[in-house]
Amino acid sequence: MGVESGAVIETTGLRKEFRTRPGRRVVAVDGLDLTVPAGGVHGLLGPTGSGKTTTIRMLLGLARPSRGQVRLFGRPVPRRLPEVMPRIGAVVDRPGFEPGLSARTNLALLARSVGVPRSAVEPALAQVGLEPRDRRSVRRCSRAARQRLALAAALLRSPELLVLDEPTAGLAPAAAREIRTLVRAVGDSGVTVLLGSRSLAEVQQLCHLVSLIGDGRLLASGPVDDLVGAGSVRAFTVGVADPAAAADVLARARFRVRREGHRLTVEGAPTAANLGEDISRVLAEREIFVHDLQPVPADLESVLRRLGGAA
């Protein structure tokens, strides 16, 4: 079955309200229009509370929209969700594996329950870097190994769409890098991956396209480099002999300045064209000379602020 519209995921006017107490409602997702084309890794980027997880849960039929439409592979969800679910793998909530059984046995039980041949188990384990013959129980596996097992379970049916919600959250840096390498490899293989993340660096490393959301609304969508910048810089740390005098000069020139010990962190003035050069020029005009200038990479909050969102 093809994708009639050319998009694997489409939402139109998607809205989700939660009733917190009688007479009070909280809007988690507010009129979200989202399009995810086929192929590659598409990031759904936003801070905690932005509506990422709620959106993903509505895509998978785990939550019902208050308003709006969802289409997966051109089919309306949740009405025709059973028709498209065999084409989807997901890691959203904490996987419910049997802790006393091995990874291989857990996957074999899962394969039988979803009608997948047992022969698919070992390739799925190998794909995520788990040893198929390892007899250790899941209880004795590291958190990173359990996350790999969750990915293996999601890939068991060779899905066309893989949905992941913060798959590296809580992992040590080395383990997170390994999971990201796996995710990128899946995206490069032709599977469409939707990656929910609050890490700007993760999205820059993994994603071809990104949709940024804040307060449940879509702020922008497009190629990662166009929206968040390749190696984009939000500020510079500045080393000078007299930080107090430099801070005063830069503040008068409408730069945003924060003093941290003997160094300054400087963000751009409204008219700044080349931030590093502008800082040096403004200070040199007052005979204050920079002996060290280091870029500060853009973070999620600065990108959302630039696009009009509130982190």
Protein backbone atom coordinates (compact mmCIF):
# COMPACT_ATOMS: atom_id res chain seq x y z
CA MET A 1 0.00 0.00 0.00
CA GLY A 2 1.34 3.42 -0.91
CA VAL A 3 1.05 6.80 0.74
CA GLU A 4 -1.63 8.58 -1.25
CA SER A 5 -0.72 12.13 -0.16
CA GLY A 6 3.07 11.66 -0.29
CA ALA A 7 3.23 12.14 3.50
CA VAL A 8 3.54 9.39 6.07
CA ILE A 9 2.10 11.58 8.86
CA GLU A 10 -0.34 14.47 8.54
CA THR A 11 -2.22 16.35 11.23
CA THR A 12 -4.66 19.18 10.63
CA GLY A 13 -5.87 21.50 13.37
CA LEU A 14 -4.90 18.91 15.98
CA ARG A 15 -5.98 19.89 19.49
CA LYS A 16 -5.92 18.09 22.82
CA GLU A 17 -7.47 19.40 26.03
CA PHE A 18 -7.22 17.81 29.45
CA ARG A 19 -9.72 18.44 32.23
CA THR A 20 -7.72 19.03 35.42
CA ARG A 21 -10.67 19.75 37.70
CA PRO A 22 -14.34 20.73 37.26
CA GLY A 23 -14.58 23.84 35.15
CA ARG A 24 -10.88 23.97 34.25
CA ARG A 25 -9.16 22.67 31.11
CA VAL A 26 -5.53 22.66 30.02
CA VAL A 27 -4.67 22.78 26.31
CA ALA A 28 -1.68 20.50 25.60
CA VAL A 29 -1.79 20.70 21.79
CA ASP A 30 -3.33 23.69 20.06
CA GLY A 31 -4.19 23.60 16.33
CA LEU A 32 -1.14 21.60 15.26
CA ASP A 33 -0.60 21.16 11.51
CA LEU A 34 2.21 18.67 11.02
CA THR A 35 3.49 16.96 7.87
CA VAL A 36 6.16 14.25 7.87
CA PRO A 37 7.26 13.10 4.41
CA ALA A 38 8.48 9.59 3.69
CA GLY A 39 12.08 8.67 4.45
CA GLY A 40 14.77 9.91 6.79
CA VAL A 41 14.65 11.12 10.39
CA HIS A 42 12.15 13.90 11.19
CA GLY A 43 12.59 15.63 14.53
CA LEU A 44 9.71 16.81 16.69
CA LEU A 45 11.64 19.27 18.83
CA GLY A 46 10.41 21.14 21.87
CA PRO A 47 10.98 21.61 25.59
CA THR A 48 9.24 19.65 28.33
CA GLY A 49 5.54 20.56 28.30
CA SER A 50 5.53 21.66 24.66
CA GLY A 51 3.07 18.94 23.56
CA LYS A 52 5.52 16.49 21.94
CA THR A 53 4.50 13.38 23.84
CA THR A 54 0.79 14.19 23.69
CA THR A 55 1.08 14.61 19.90
CA ILE A 56 2.90 11.29 19.54
CA ARG A 57 0.30 9.53 21.68
CA MET A 58 -2.49 10.89 19.46
CA LEU A 59 -0.64 9.70 16.34
CA LEU A 60 -0.51 6.18 17.77
CA GLY A 61 -4.10 6.11 18.98
CA LEU A 62 -3.06 6.17 22.64
CA ALA A 63 -4.92 9.45 23.17
CA ARG A 64 -7.99 10.77 21.35
CA PRO A 65 -7.84 14.29 19.89
CA SER A 66 -10.30 16.86 21.23
CA ARG A 67 -10.44 18.29 17.73
CA GLY A 68 -8.67 18.00 14.38
CA GLN A 69 -7.55 15.16 12.15
CA VAL A 70 -4.69 12.66 12.03
CA ARG A 71 -3.74 10.64 8.97
CA LEU A 72 -1.06 7.94 8.81
CA PHE A 73 -0.14 6.65 5.35
CA GLY A 74 -3.18 8.59 4.14
CA ARG A 75 -5.57 6.71 6.46
CA PRO A 76 -7.61 8.52 9.13
CA VAL A 77 -6.63 7.71 12.71
CA PRO A 78 -7.95 6.37 15.02
CA ARG A 79 -10.77 5.10 12.81
CA ARG A 80 -8.48 3.05 10.56
CA LEU A 81 -5.60 2.58 12.98
CA PRO A 82 -5.78 -1.26 12.94
CA GLU A 83 -5.18 -1.12 9.20
CA VAL A 84 -1.90 0.81 9.49
CA MET A 85 -0.50 -0.45 12.81
CA PRO A 86 1.36 -3.40 11.20
CA ARG A 87 3.39 -0.76 9.31
CA ILE A 88 4.40 1.12 12.47
CA GLY A 89 6.93 0.49 15.23
CA ALA A 90 7.12 2.70 18.31
CA VAL A 91 9.02 3.28 21.54
CA VAL A 92 6.93 5.68 23.59
CA ASP A 93 6.22 4.45 27.10
CA ARG A 94 8.50 2.23 29.16
CA PRO A 95 8.37 -1.18 27.46
CA GLY A 96 6.59 -3.91 29.39
CA PHE A 97 9.10 -6.75 29.12
CA GLU A 98 9.05 -9.76 31.43
CA PRO A 99 12.05 -9.00 33.70
CA GLY A 100 12.82 -12.63 34.53
CA LEU A 101 13.23 -13.69 30.90
CA SER A 102 16.05 -13.03 28.46
CA ALA A 103 15.86 -10.46 25.68
CA ARG A 104 15.61 -13.24 23.11
CA THR A 105 12.75 -14.97 24.91
CA ASN A 106 10.89 -11.69 25.38
CA LEU A 107 11.13 -10.94 21.67
CA ALA A 108 10.08 -14.48 20.76
CA LEU A 109 6.93 -14.11 22.88
CA LEU A 110 6.23 -10.71 21.33
CA ALA A 111 6.75 -12.08 17.82
CA ARG A 112 4.24 -14.86 18.44
CA SER A 113 1.67 -12.39 19.83
CA VAL A 114 1.85 -10.13 16.75
CA GLY A 115 2.08 -12.89 14.18
CA VAL A 116 5.73 -12.41 13.24
CA PRO A 117 7.85 -15.50 12.44
CA ARG A 118 10.27 -16.52 15.18
CA SER A 119 13.03 -16.27 12.59
CA ALA A 120 12.73 -12.47 12.78
CA VAL A 121 13.91 -12.37 16.40
CA GLU A 122 17.65 -12.88 15.96
CA PRO A 123 18.01 -10.38 13.08
CA ALA A 124 16.17 -7.76 15.16
CA LEU A 125 18.50 -8.31 18.13
CA ALA A 126 21.55 -8.20 15.89
CA GLN A 127 20.32 -4.98 14.26
CA VAL A 128 20.39 -3.16 17.60
CA GLY A 129 23.66 -4.71 18.76
CA LEU A 130 22.32 -7.24 21.26
CA GLU A 131 23.75 -10.75 21.36
CA PRO A 132 20.89 -13.13 20.41
CA ARG A 133 22.32 -15.97 22.54
CA ASP A 134 22.75 -13.87 25.69
CA ARG A 135 20.78 -15.69 28.39
CA ARG A 136 20.82 -12.88 30.96
CA SER A 137 17.41 -11.80 32.20
CA VAL A 138 16.14 -8.36 31.27
CA ARG A 139 16.25 -7.56 34.98
CA ARG A 140 20.04 -7.87 34.87
CA CYS A 141 20.46 -5.77 31.72
CA SER A 142 21.64 -2.17 31.80
CA ARG A 143 19.24 0.65 31.03
CA ALA A 144 20.95 1.10 27.66
CA ALA A 145 20.52 -2.60 26.83
CA ARG A 146 16.82 -2.41 27.74
CA GLN A 147 16.44 0.57 25.42
CA ARG A 148 18.13 -1.40 22.64
CA LEU A 149 15.67 -4.22 23.31
CA ALA A 150 12.78 -1.76 23.03
CA LEU A 151 14.13 -0.69 19.63
CA ALA A 152 14.44 -4.35 18.58
CA ALA A 153 10.80 -4.89 19.55
CA ALA A 154 9.75 -1.86 17.51
CA LEU A 155 11.72 -3.12 14.49
CA LEU A 156 10.47 -6.71 14.74
CA ARG A 157 7.83 -6.24 12.04
CA SER A 158 10.17 -4.30 9.70
CA PRO A 159 8.05 -1.14 10.01
CA GLU A 160 7.80 1.61 7.42
CA LEU A 161 7.38 4.19 10.21
CA LEU A 162 9.29 4.21 13.50
CA VAL A 163 8.07 6.59 16.21
CA LEU A 164 10.42 7.36 19.10
CA ASP A 165 9.79 9.62 22.08
CA GLU A 166 13.08 10.75 23.68
CA PRO A 167 14.85 7.39 23.21
CA THR A 168 18.09 8.61 24.84
CA ALA A 169 16.55 10.22 27.94
CA GLY A 170 18.33 9.15 31.10
CA LEU A 171 21.16 7.34 29.32
CA ALA A 172 24.85 7.93 29.90
CA PRO A 173 26.54 9.93 27.09
CA ALA A 174 28.26 6.89 25.55
CA ALA A 175 25.03 4.85 25.57
CA ALA A 176 23.07 7.79 24.13
CA ARG A 177 25.56 8.06 21.26
CA GLU A 178 25.11 4.37 20.48
CA ILE A 179 21.31 4.70 20.39
CA ARG A 180 21.59 7.75 18.12
CA THR A 181 23.83 5.81 15.75
CA LEU A 182 21.19 3.07 15.58
CA VAL A 183 18.39 5.56 14.95
CA ARG A 184 20.34 7.27 12.17
CA ALA A 185 21.06 3.91 10.54
CA VAL A 186 17.36 3.04 10.57
CA GLY A 187 16.52 6.39 8.94
CA ASP A 188 19.23 5.90 6.33
CA SER A 189 17.78 2.47 5.48
CA GLY A 190 14.60 4.06 4.09
CA VAL A 191 12.38 3.81 7.17
CA THR A 192 10.62 7.05 8.14
CA VAL A 193 11.57 7.94 11.72
CA LEU A 194 9.69 10.48 13.84
CA LEU A 195 11.94 11.44 16.76
CA GLY A 196 10.47 13.37 19.68
CA SER A 197 13.30 15.19 21.47
CA ARG A 198 14.06 18.15 23.71
CA SER A 199 17.76 18.07 22.75
CA LEU A 200 18.79 20.51 20.05
CA ALA A 201 22.16 18.75 19.68
CA GLU A 202 20.44 15.39 19.20
CA VAL A 203 18.18 16.75 16.47
CA GLN A 204 21.11 18.45 14.72
CA GLN A 205 23.04 15.16 14.74
CA LEU A 206 20.22 12.88 13.63
CA CYS A 207 17.51 14.66 11.70
CA HIS A 208 17.04 15.67 8.11
CA LEU A 209 13.92 17.72 8.83
CA VAL A 210 12.56 19.21 12.04
CA SER A 211 9.28 20.60 13.35
CA LEU A 212 9.68 22.90 16.34
CA ILE A 213 6.79 23.16 18.75
CA GLY A 214 6.19 25.29 21.81
CA ASP A 215 3.10 25.61 23.98
CA GLY A 216 1.39 22.99 21.81
CA ARG A 217 1.76 25.02 18.62
CA LEU A 218 3.91 24.53 15.53
CA LEU A 219 6.51 27.31 15.42
CA ALA A 220 8.39 26.28 12.27
CA SER A 221 9.12 23.26 10.12
CA GLY A 222 11.79 22.51 7.52
CA PRO A 223 15.41 21.40 6.99
CA VAL A 224 17.38 21.35 10.24
CA ASP A 225 20.15 23.63 8.99
CA ASP A 226 17.65 26.23 7.79
CA LEU A 227 15.87 26.44 11.14
CA VAL A 228 18.49 25.89 13.80
CA GLY A 229 21.63 26.54 11.78
CA ALA A 230 24.64 24.41 11.08
CA GLY A 231 26.99 25.23 13.94
CA SER A 232 24.83 28.22 14.84
CA VAL A 233 26.11 30.52 17.57
CA ARG A 234 23.90 32.29 20.09
CA ALA A 235 26.57 34.13 22.08
CA PHE A 236 30.28 34.57 22.77
CA THR A 237 32.24 34.40 25.97
CA VAL A 238 34.62 37.34 26.08
CA GLY A 239 37.92 37.70 27.92
CA VAL A 240 39.19 41.25 28.58
CA ALA A 241 41.47 42.90 31.12
CA ASP A 242 38.64 45.01 32.60
CA PRO A 243 35.36 43.04 32.51
CA ALA A 244 33.35 45.74 34.31
CA ALA A 245 34.29 48.44 31.80
CA ALA A 246 33.70 46.10 28.86
CA ALA A 247 30.28 45.11 30.20
CA ASP A 248 29.29 48.76 30.49
CA VAL A 249 30.42 49.55 26.92
CA LEU A 250 28.62 46.54 25.44
CA ALA A 251 25.42 47.19 27.40
CA ARG A 252 25.38 50.79 26.12
CA ALA A 253 25.68 49.38 22.59
CA ARG A 254 22.57 47.30 23.31
CA PHE A 255 24.28 43.91 23.59
CA ARG A 256 22.93 41.56 26.24
CA VAL A 257 25.75 41.01 28.72
CA ARG A 258 26.13 38.65 31.67
CA ARG A 259 29.25 38.67 33.83
CA GLU A 260 30.60 35.33 35.02
CA GLY A 261 33.71 35.86 37.12
CA HIS A 262 36.41 37.43 34.96
CA ARG A 263 34.57 36.65 31.71
CA LEU A 264 31.51 38.04 29.97
CA THR A 265 28.83 36.15 28.09
CA VAL A 266 27.54 38.41 25.33
CA GLU A 267 24.46 37.92 23.14
CA GLY A 268 23.77 39.94 20.03
CA ALA A 269 22.40 43.43 19.82
CA PRO A 270 19.29 43.87 17.65
CA THR A 271 21.40 45.23 14.76
CA ALA A 272 24.30 42.76 15.10
CA ALA A 273 25.33 41.24 11.76
CA ASN A 274 28.45 39.31 12.74
CA LEU A 275 28.38 38.91 16.50
CA GLY A 276 32.03 38.10 17.17
CA GLU A 277 33.36 40.89 14.94
CA ASP A 278 30.83 43.37 16.32
CA ILE A 279 31.84 42.67 19.93
CA SER A 280 35.53 43.16 19.14
CA ARG A 281 34.91 46.33 17.12
CA VAL A 282 32.69 48.00 19.73
CA LEU A 283 35.23 47.33 22.48
CA ALA A 284 38.25 48.33 20.38
CA GLU A 285 36.61 51.70 19.65
CA ARG A 286 36.83 52.35 23.40
CA GLU A 287 40.38 50.94 23.56
CA ILE A 288 39.29 47.76 25.30
CA PHE A 289 40.93 44.84 23.55
CA VAL A 290 39.66 41.26 23.55
CA HIS A 291 42.24 38.61 24.40
CA ASP A 292 39.85 35.66 24.13
CA LEU A 293 36.59 35.17 22.22
CA GLN A 294 34.80 31.81 22.32
CA PRO A 295 31.49 30.96 20.59
CA VAL A 296 28.57 29.55 22.61
CA PRO A 297 26.51 27.14 20.44
CA ALA A 298 22.79 27.76 20.07
CA ASP A 299 20.55 25.86 22.48
CA LEU A 300 16.89 24.92 22.27
CA GLU A 301 15.72 27.89 24.33
CA SER A 302 17.52 30.40 22.12
CA VAL A 303 16.16 28.83 18.92
CA LEU A 304 12.60 28.82 20.26
CA ARG A 305 12.99 32.40 21.47
CA ARG A 306 14.18 33.46 18.03
CA LEU A 307 11.18 31.74 16.41
CA GLY A 308 8.70 33.28 18.79
CA GLY A 309 8.22 30.33 21.13
CA ALA A 310 8.41 30.25 24.92
CA ALA A 311 10.67 27.60 26.38
